[in-house]
């Protein structure tokens, strides 16, 4: 069966559904209606139904959604039923903060390598993972199957490193550098610009009524 193309807006909402359903599971909630979920998430019930119908619906009329089942199914849609090996390139404050975030592993994202250019960081461990030098990256990628690379380094460094990652089989890049990376279509790139998010917040603050 041909896979339907899902809009970016729907994909962007899926992790939020997953987070709220996870909270409901922790509270021992077994089922929930689209109306109840709507009030929790501040998303219309019709939007919730429409989003989930892209993947088959999952609800039963008069019953609502089984929270555990829906949580598991959205996890599968998001690819969270797999384990992904990650490396972080750039061991500054942001890179080390990402390495220390233990929830990544709970979601199946295993950080197994951290790289930097600063020789003073060589051998320093972050949560038990020793920082290696960038000239060791190619060999490490060849010896380990790496699914995702997080780039937390300056724009010029990210632009130099990104093609190397592709050459060594990395298929997904989580890019925090201050540049949009443009790579071959077989490499997935998620550009995360923290300053742009802060500017959006600034706009909303300025235009509050």
C-alpha atoms as a PDB file:
ATOM      1  CA  UNK A   1       0.000   0.000   0.000  1.00  0.00           C
ATOM      2  CA  UNK A   2       1.361   3.424  -0.973  1.00  0.00           C
ATOM      3  CA  UNK A   3       2.262   5.549   2.029  1.00  0.00           C
ATOM      4  CA  UNK A   4       0.347   8.817   2.310  1.00  0.00           C
ATOM      5  CA  UNK A   5       2.305  12.034   2.460  1.00  0.00           C
ATOM      6  CA  UNK A   6       1.661  13.645   5.831  1.00  0.00           C
ATOM      7  CA  UNK A   7       1.838  17.424   6.216  1.00  0.00           C
ATOM      8  CA  UNK A   8       4.670  18.969   8.237  1.00  0.00           C
ATOM      9  CA  UNK A   9       2.097  20.543  10.561  1.00  0.00           C
ATOM     10  CA  UNK A  10       0.712  17.113  11.508  1.00  0.00           C
ATOM     11  CA  UNK A  11       4.213  15.674  12.013  1.00  0.00           C
ATOM     12  CA  UNK A  12       5.057  18.651  14.229  1.00  0.00           C
ATOM     13  CA  UNK A  13       2.054  17.915  16.470  1.00  0.00           C
ATOM     14  CA  UNK A  14       2.736  14.177  16.856  1.00  0.00           C
ATOM     15  CA  UNK A  15       5.478  14.520  19.523  1.00  0.00           C
ATOM     16  CA  UNK A  16       3.124  16.753  21.505  1.00  0.00           C
ATOM     17  CA  UNK A  17       0.390  14.097  21.422  1.00  0.00           C
ATOM     18  CA  UNK A  18       2.988  11.547  22.495  1.00  0.00           C
ATOM     19  CA  UNK A  19       4.096  13.694  25.438  1.00  0.00           C
ATOM     20  CA  UNK A  20       0.559  14.322  26.697  1.00  0.00           C
ATOM     21  CA  UNK A  21      -0.402  10.669  26.338  1.00  0.00           C
ATOM     22  CA  UNK A  22       2.734   9.702  28.266  1.00  0.00           C
ATOM     23  CA  UNK A  23       1.666  12.032  31.076  1.00  0.00           C
ATOM     24  CA  UNK A  24      -1.805  10.463  31.075  1.00  0.00           C
ATOM     25  CA  UNK A  25      -0.275   6.985  31.329  1.00  0.00           C
ATOM     26  CA  UNK A  26       1.737   8.085  34.355  1.00  0.00           C
ATOM     27  CA  UNK A  27      -1.530   9.292  35.901  1.00  0.00           C
ATOM     28  CA  UNK A  28      -3.088   5.828  35.250  1.00  0.00           C
ATOM     29  CA  UNK A  29      -5.644   7.205  32.769  1.00  0.00           C
ATOM     30  CA  UNK A  30      -6.849   4.313  30.592  1.00  0.00           C
ATOM     31  CA  UNK A  31      -9.009   6.079  28.008  1.00  0.00           C
ATOM     32  CA  UNK A  32      -9.725   9.591  26.865  1.00  0.00           C
ATOM     33  CA  UNK A  33     -12.052  11.258  24.386  1.00  0.00           C
ATOM     34  CA  UNK A  34     -10.910  13.689  21.700  1.00  0.00           C
ATOM     35  CA  UNK A  35     -12.812  16.405  23.601  1.00  0.00           C
ATOM     36  CA  UNK A  36     -10.937  15.709  26.835  1.00  0.00           C
ATOM     37  CA  UNK A  37      -7.611  15.591  25.018  1.00  0.00           C
ATOM     38  CA  UNK A  38      -8.576  18.814  23.262  1.00  0.00           C
ATOM     39  CA  UNK A  39      -9.036  20.648  26.553  1.00  0.00           C
ATOM     40  CA  UNK A  40      -5.678  19.372  27.842  1.00  0.00           C
ATOM     41  CA  UNK A  41      -3.712  20.298  24.751  1.00  0.00           C
ATOM     42  CA  UNK A  42      -5.582  23.401  23.610  1.00  0.00           C
ATOM     43  CA  UNK A  43      -6.104  21.842  20.180  1.00  0.00           C
ATOM     44  CA  UNK A  44      -9.605  21.424  18.759  1.00  0.00           C
ATOM     45  CA  UNK A  45     -11.154  17.970  18.991  1.00  0.00           C
ATOM     46  CA  UNK A  46     -11.763  17.987  15.240  1.00  0.00           C
ATOM     47  CA  UNK A  47      -8.081  18.733  14.636  1.00  0.00           C
ATOM     48  CA  UNK A  48      -7.081  15.796  16.845  1.00  0.00           C
ATOM     49  CA  UNK A  49      -9.441  13.444  15.001  1.00  0.00           C
ATOM     50  CA  UNK A  50      -8.252  14.756  11.645  1.00  0.00           C
ATOM     51  CA  UNK A  51      -4.590  14.336  12.579  1.00  0.00           C
ATOM     52  CA  UNK A  52      -5.037  10.790  13.843  1.00  0.00           C
ATOM     53  CA  UNK A  53      -7.194   9.804  10.872  1.00  0.00           C
ATOM     54  CA  UNK A  54      -4.098  10.262   8.729  1.00  0.00           C
ATOM     55  CA  UNK A  55      -2.831   7.074  10.377  1.00  0.00           C
ATOM     56  CA  UNK A  56      -6.038   5.093  10.733  1.00  0.00           C
ATOM     57  CA  UNK A  57      -7.955   6.887  13.469  1.00  0.00           C
ATOM     58  CA  UNK A  58      -7.359   4.657  16.538  1.00  0.00           C
ATOM     59  CA  UNK A  59     -10.559   5.747  18.321  1.00  0.00           C
ATOM     60  CA  UNK A  60     -13.935   4.088  18.852  1.00  0.00           C
ATOM     61  CA  UNK A  61     -17.171   6.036  18.786  1.00  0.00           C
ATOM     62  CA  UNK A  62     -18.611   6.293  22.278  1.00  0.00           C
ATOM     63  CA  UNK A  63     -15.372   5.046  23.830  1.00  0.00           C
ATOM     64  CA  UNK A  64     -12.669   7.460  22.767  1.00  0.00           C
ATOM     65  CA  UNK A  65      -9.022   6.444  22.687  1.00  0.00           C
ATOM     66  CA  UNK A  66      -7.230   3.749  24.616  1.00  0.00           C
ATOM     67  CA  UNK A  67      -4.377   5.835  26.040  1.00  0.00           C
ATOM     68  CA  UNK A  68      -1.744   3.089  26.197  1.00  0.00           C
ATOM     69  CA  UNK A  69      -2.520   1.806  22.708  1.00  0.00           C
ATOM     70  CA  UNK A  70      -2.536   5.282  21.169  1.00  0.00           C
ATOM     71  CA  UNK A  71       0.714   6.162  22.948  1.00  0.00           C
ATOM     72  CA  UNK A  72       2.375   3.021  21.587  1.00  0.00           C
ATOM     73  CA  UNK A  73       1.050   3.541  18.053  1.00  0.00           C
ATOM     74  CA  UNK A  74       2.179   7.176  17.886  1.00  0.00           C
ATOM     75  CA  UNK A  75       5.555   6.025  19.189  1.00  0.00           C
ATOM     76  CA  UNK A  76       5.776   3.577  16.280  1.00  0.00           C
ATOM     77  CA  UNK A  77       4.778   6.299  13.800  1.00  0.00           C
ATOM     78  CA  UNK A  78       7.539   8.514  15.215  1.00  0.00           C
ATOM     79  CA  UNK A  79      10.029   5.657  14.930  1.00  0.00           C
ATOM     80  CA  UNK A  80      10.444   5.356  18.692  1.00  0.00           C
ATOM     81  CA  UNK A  81      10.099   1.584  18.585  1.00  0.00           C
ATOM     82  CA  UNK A  82      13.707   1.486  17.347  1.00  0.00           C
ATOM     83  CA  UNK A  83      17.078   2.397  18.851  1.00  0.00           C
ATOM     84  CA  UNK A  84      19.217   5.027  17.149  1.00  0.00           C
ATOM     85  CA  UNK A  85      22.944   5.568  17.672  1.00  0.00           C
ATOM     86  CA  UNK A  86      23.910   9.225  17.872  1.00  0.00           C
ATOM     87  CA  UNK A  87      27.054  11.314  17.928  1.00  0.00           C
ATOM     88  CA  UNK A  88      27.379  14.920  19.056  1.00  0.00           C
ATOM     89  CA  UNK A  89      29.856  17.105  17.206  1.00  0.00           C
ATOM     90  CA  UNK A  90      30.738  20.155  19.240  1.00  0.00           C
ATOM     91  CA  UNK A  91      31.380  19.624  22.967  1.00  0.00           C
ATOM     92  CA  UNK A  92      30.667  23.136  24.174  1.00  0.00           C
ATOM     93  CA  UNK A  93      27.891  24.062  26.589  1.00  0.00           C
ATOM     94  CA  UNK A  94      25.055  23.038  24.271  1.00  0.00           C
ATOM     95  CA  UNK A  95      26.708  19.811  23.160  1.00  0.00           C
ATOM     96  CA  UNK A  96      27.398  18.762  26.746  1.00  0.00           C
ATOM     97  CA  UNK A  97      23.863  19.713  27.778  1.00  0.00           C
ATOM     98  CA  UNK A  98      22.472  17.424  25.062  1.00  0.00           C
ATOM     99  CA  UNK A  99      24.799  14.619  26.142  1.00  0.00           C
ATOM    100  CA  UNK A 100      23.607  14.980  29.735  1.00  0.00           C
ATOM    101  CA  UNK A 101      19.917  14.832  28.831  1.00  0.00           C
ATOM    102  CA  UNK A 102      19.024  11.310  29.963  1.00  0.00           C
ATOM    103  CA  UNK A 103      15.532  11.311  28.421  1.00  0.00           C
ATOM    104  CA  UNK A 104      17.075  10.818  24.986  1.00  0.00           C
ATOM    105  CA  UNK A 105      18.048   7.267  25.893  1.00  0.00           C
ATOM    106  CA  UNK A 106      14.587   6.589  27.282  1.00  0.00           C
ATOM    107  CA  UNK A 107      13.255   7.467  23.824  1.00  0.00           C
ATOM    108  CA  UNK A 108      15.745   5.175  22.094  1.00  0.00           C
ATOM    109  CA  UNK A 109      18.417   7.721  21.147  1.00  0.00           C
ATOM    110  CA  UNK A 110      21.815   6.406  22.355  1.00  0.00           C
ATOM    111  CA  UNK A 111      24.651   8.925  22.365  1.00  0.00           C
ATOM    112  CA  UNK A 112      27.804   6.886  21.824  1.00  0.00           C
ATOM    113  CA  UNK A 113      30.306   9.508  20.685  1.00  0.00           C
ATOM    114  CA  UNK A 114      31.154  13.170  21.306  1.00  0.00           C
ATOM    115  CA  UNK A 115      33.654  15.109  19.187  1.00  0.00           C
ATOM    116  CA  UNK A 116      35.353  18.493  19.345  1.00  0.00           C
ATOM    117  CA  UNK A 117      38.382  20.375  17.993  1.00  0.00           C
ATOM    118  CA  UNK A 118      39.616  21.687  21.350  1.00  0.00           C
ATOM    119  CA  UNK A 119      42.573  19.513  22.482  1.00  0.00           C
ATOM    120  CA  UNK A 120      41.947  20.485  26.111  1.00  0.00           C
ATOM    121  CA  UNK A 121      38.680  18.515  25.950  1.00  0.00           C
ATOM    122  CA  UNK A 122      40.305  15.328  24.634  1.00  0.00           C
ATOM    123  CA  UNK A 123      39.499  12.442  26.976  1.00  0.00           C
ATOM    124  CA  UNK A 124      37.146  14.470  29.174  1.00  0.00           C
ATOM    125  CA  UNK A 125      34.057  12.369  29.878  1.00  0.00           C
ATOM    126  CA  UNK A 126      30.472  13.544  29.688  1.00  0.00           C
ATOM    127  CA  UNK A 127      28.129  11.057  31.359  1.00  0.00           C
ATOM    128  CA  UNK A 128      30.718   8.350  30.826  1.00  0.00           C
ATOM    129  CA  UNK A 129      31.347   9.190  27.153  1.00  0.00           C
ATOM    130  CA  UNK A 130      34.905  10.397  26.434  1.00  0.00           C
ATOM    131  CA  UNK A 131      35.247  13.396  24.123  1.00  0.00           C
ATOM    132  CA  UNK A 132      37.263  12.564  21.008  1.00  0.00           C
ATOM    133  CA  UNK A 133      38.964  14.845  18.524  1.00  0.00           C
ATOM    134  CA  UNK A 134      37.324  15.638  15.220  1.00  0.00           C
ATOM    135  CA  UNK A 135      40.127  13.958  13.250  1.00  0.00           C
ATOM    136  CA  UNK A 136      38.971  10.657  14.794  1.00  0.00           C
ATOM    137  CA  UNK A 137      35.436  11.087  13.465  1.00  0.00           C
ATOM    138  CA  UNK A 138      35.775   9.285  10.117  1.00  0.00           C
ATOM    139  CA  UNK A 139      37.292   6.159  11.647  1.00  0.00           C
ATOM    140  CA  UNK A 140      34.681   6.129  14.421  1.00  0.00           C
ATOM    141  CA  UNK A 141      31.844   6.386  11.880  1.00  0.00           C
ATOM    142  CA  UNK A 142      33.302   3.505   9.881  1.00  0.00           C
ATOM    143  CA  UNK A 143      33.554   1.313  12.976  1.00  0.00           C
ATOM    144  CA  UNK A 144      30.095   2.151  14.394  1.00  0.00           C
ATOM    145  CA  UNK A 145      26.693   2.392  12.774  1.00  0.00           C
ATOM    146  CA  UNK A 146      25.621   5.966  13.441  1.00  0.00           C
ATOM    147  CA  UNK A 147      22.079   6.961  12.548  1.00  0.00           C
ATOM    148  CA  UNK A 148      21.981  10.582  13.745  1.00  0.00           C
ATOM    149  CA  UNK A 149      24.581  13.322  14.217  1.00  0.00           C
ATOM    150  CA  UNK A 150      23.833  16.406  16.317  1.00  0.00           C
ATOM    151  CA  UNK A 151      25.857  19.445  15.229  1.00  0.00           C
ATOM    152  CA  UNK A 152      26.455  21.991  17.991  1.00  0.00           C
ATOM    153  CA  UNK A 153      29.355  23.875  16.486  1.00  0.00           C
ATOM    154  CA  UNK A 154      29.808  27.119  14.506  1.00  0.00           C
ATOM    155  CA  UNK A 155      28.274  27.432  11.033  1.00  0.00           C
ATOM    156  CA  UNK A 156      31.575  27.078   9.175  1.00  0.00           C
ATOM    157  CA  UNK A 157      32.391  23.899  11.094  1.00  0.00           C
ATOM    158  CA  UNK A 158      28.952  22.421  10.437  1.00  0.00           C
ATOM    159  CA  UNK A 159      29.266  23.075   6.712  1.00  0.00           C
ATOM    160  CA  UNK A 160      32.653  21.306   6.644  1.00  0.00           C
ATOM    161  CA  UNK A 161      31.559  18.330   8.757  1.00  0.00           C
ATOM    162  CA  UNK A 162      28.123  17.650   7.239  1.00  0.00           C
ATOM    163  CA  UNK A 163      29.382  16.211   3.909  1.00  0.00           C
ATOM    164  CA  UNK A 164      31.821  13.967   5.795  1.00  0.00           C
ATOM    165  CA  UNK A 165      28.924  12.556   7.799  1.00  0.00           C
ATOM    166  CA  UNK A 166      27.070  11.709   4.606  1.00  0.00           C
ATOM    167  CA  UNK A 167      30.144  10.066   3.092  1.00  0.00           C
ATOM    168  CA  UNK A 168      30.401   7.778   6.128  1.00  0.00           C
ATOM    169  CA  UNK A 169      26.776   6.660   6.089  1.00  0.00           C
ATOM    170  CA  UNK A 170      25.027   9.036   8.515  1.00  0.00           C
ATOM    171  CA  UNK A 171      21.478   9.547   7.222  1.00  0.00           C
ATOM    172  CA  UNK A 172      20.097  12.134   9.661  1.00  0.00           C
ATOM    173  CA  UNK A 173      21.529  15.404  10.998  1.00  0.00           C
ATOM    174  CA  UNK A 174      20.134  17.427  13.905  1.00  0.00           C
ATOM    175  CA  UNK A 175      21.631  20.809  13.142  1.00  0.00           C
ATOM    176  CA  UNK A 176      21.940  23.489  15.842  1.00  0.00           C
ATOM    177  CA  UNK A 177      24.541  25.489  13.905  1.00  0.00           C
ATOM    178  CA  UNK A 178      23.644  28.991  12.729  1.00  0.00           C
ATOM    179  CA  UNK A 179      23.199  27.890   9.123  1.00  0.00           C
ATOM    180  CA  UNK A 180      20.755  25.882   7.041  1.00  0.00           C
ATOM    181  CA  UNK A 181      22.460  22.793   5.695  1.00  0.00           C
ATOM    182  CA  UNK A 182      21.662  21.693   2.161  1.00  0.00           C
ATOM    183  CA  UNK A 183      22.635  18.089   1.550  1.00  0.00           C
ATOM    184  CA  UNK A 184      21.621  15.264  -0.821  1.00  0.00           C
ATOM    185  CA  UNK A 185      18.012  14.092  -0.584  1.00  0.00           C
ATOM    186  CA  UNK A 186      19.001  10.812   1.073  1.00  0.00           C
ATOM    187  CA  UNK A 187      20.168  12.715   4.181  1.00  0.00           C
ATOM    188  CA  UNK A 188      17.461  14.061   6.489  1.00  0.00           C
ATOM    189  CA  UNK A 189      18.273  17.407   8.101  1.00  0.00           C
ATOM    190  CA  UNK A 190      16.394  19.064  10.960  1.00  0.00           C
ATOM    191  CA  UNK A 191      17.631  22.645  11.328  1.00  0.00           C
ATOM    192  CA  UNK A 192      17.067  23.996  14.847  1.00  0.00           C
ATOM    193  CA  UNK A 193      17.655  27.731  15.220  1.00  0.00           C
ATOM    194  CA  UNK A 194      17.263  28.687  18.870  1.00  0.00           C
ATOM    195  CA  UNK A 195      17.624  32.414  18.160  1.00  0.00           C
ATOM    196  CA  UNK A 196      14.723  32.313  15.693  1.00  0.00           C
ATOM    197  CA  UNK A 197      12.511  30.676  18.304  1.00  0.00           C
ATOM    198  CA  UNK A 198      13.468  33.408  20.781  1.00  0.00           C
ATOM    199  CA  UNK A 199      12.678  36.105  18.182  1.00  0.00           C
ATOM    200  CA  UNK A 200       9.240  34.567  17.637  1.00  0.00           C
ATOM    201  CA  UNK A 201       8.681  34.788  21.379  1.00  0.00           C
ATOM    202  CA  UNK A 202       9.842  38.415  21.282  1.00  0.00           C
ATOM    203  CA  UNK A 203       7.320  39.161  18.528  1.00  0.00           C
ATOM    204  CA  UNK A 204       4.474  37.608  20.501  1.00  0.00           C
ATOM    205  CA  UNK A 205       5.500  39.523  23.618  1.00  0.00           C
ATOM    206  CA  UNK A 206       5.599  42.820  21.722  1.00  0.00           C
ATOM    207  CA  UNK A 207       2.204  42.287  20.107  1.00  0.00           C
ATOM    208  CA  UNK A 208       0.302  41.046  23.158  1.00  0.00           C
ATOM    209  CA  UNK A 209      -3.056  42.728  23.546  1.00  0.00           C
END
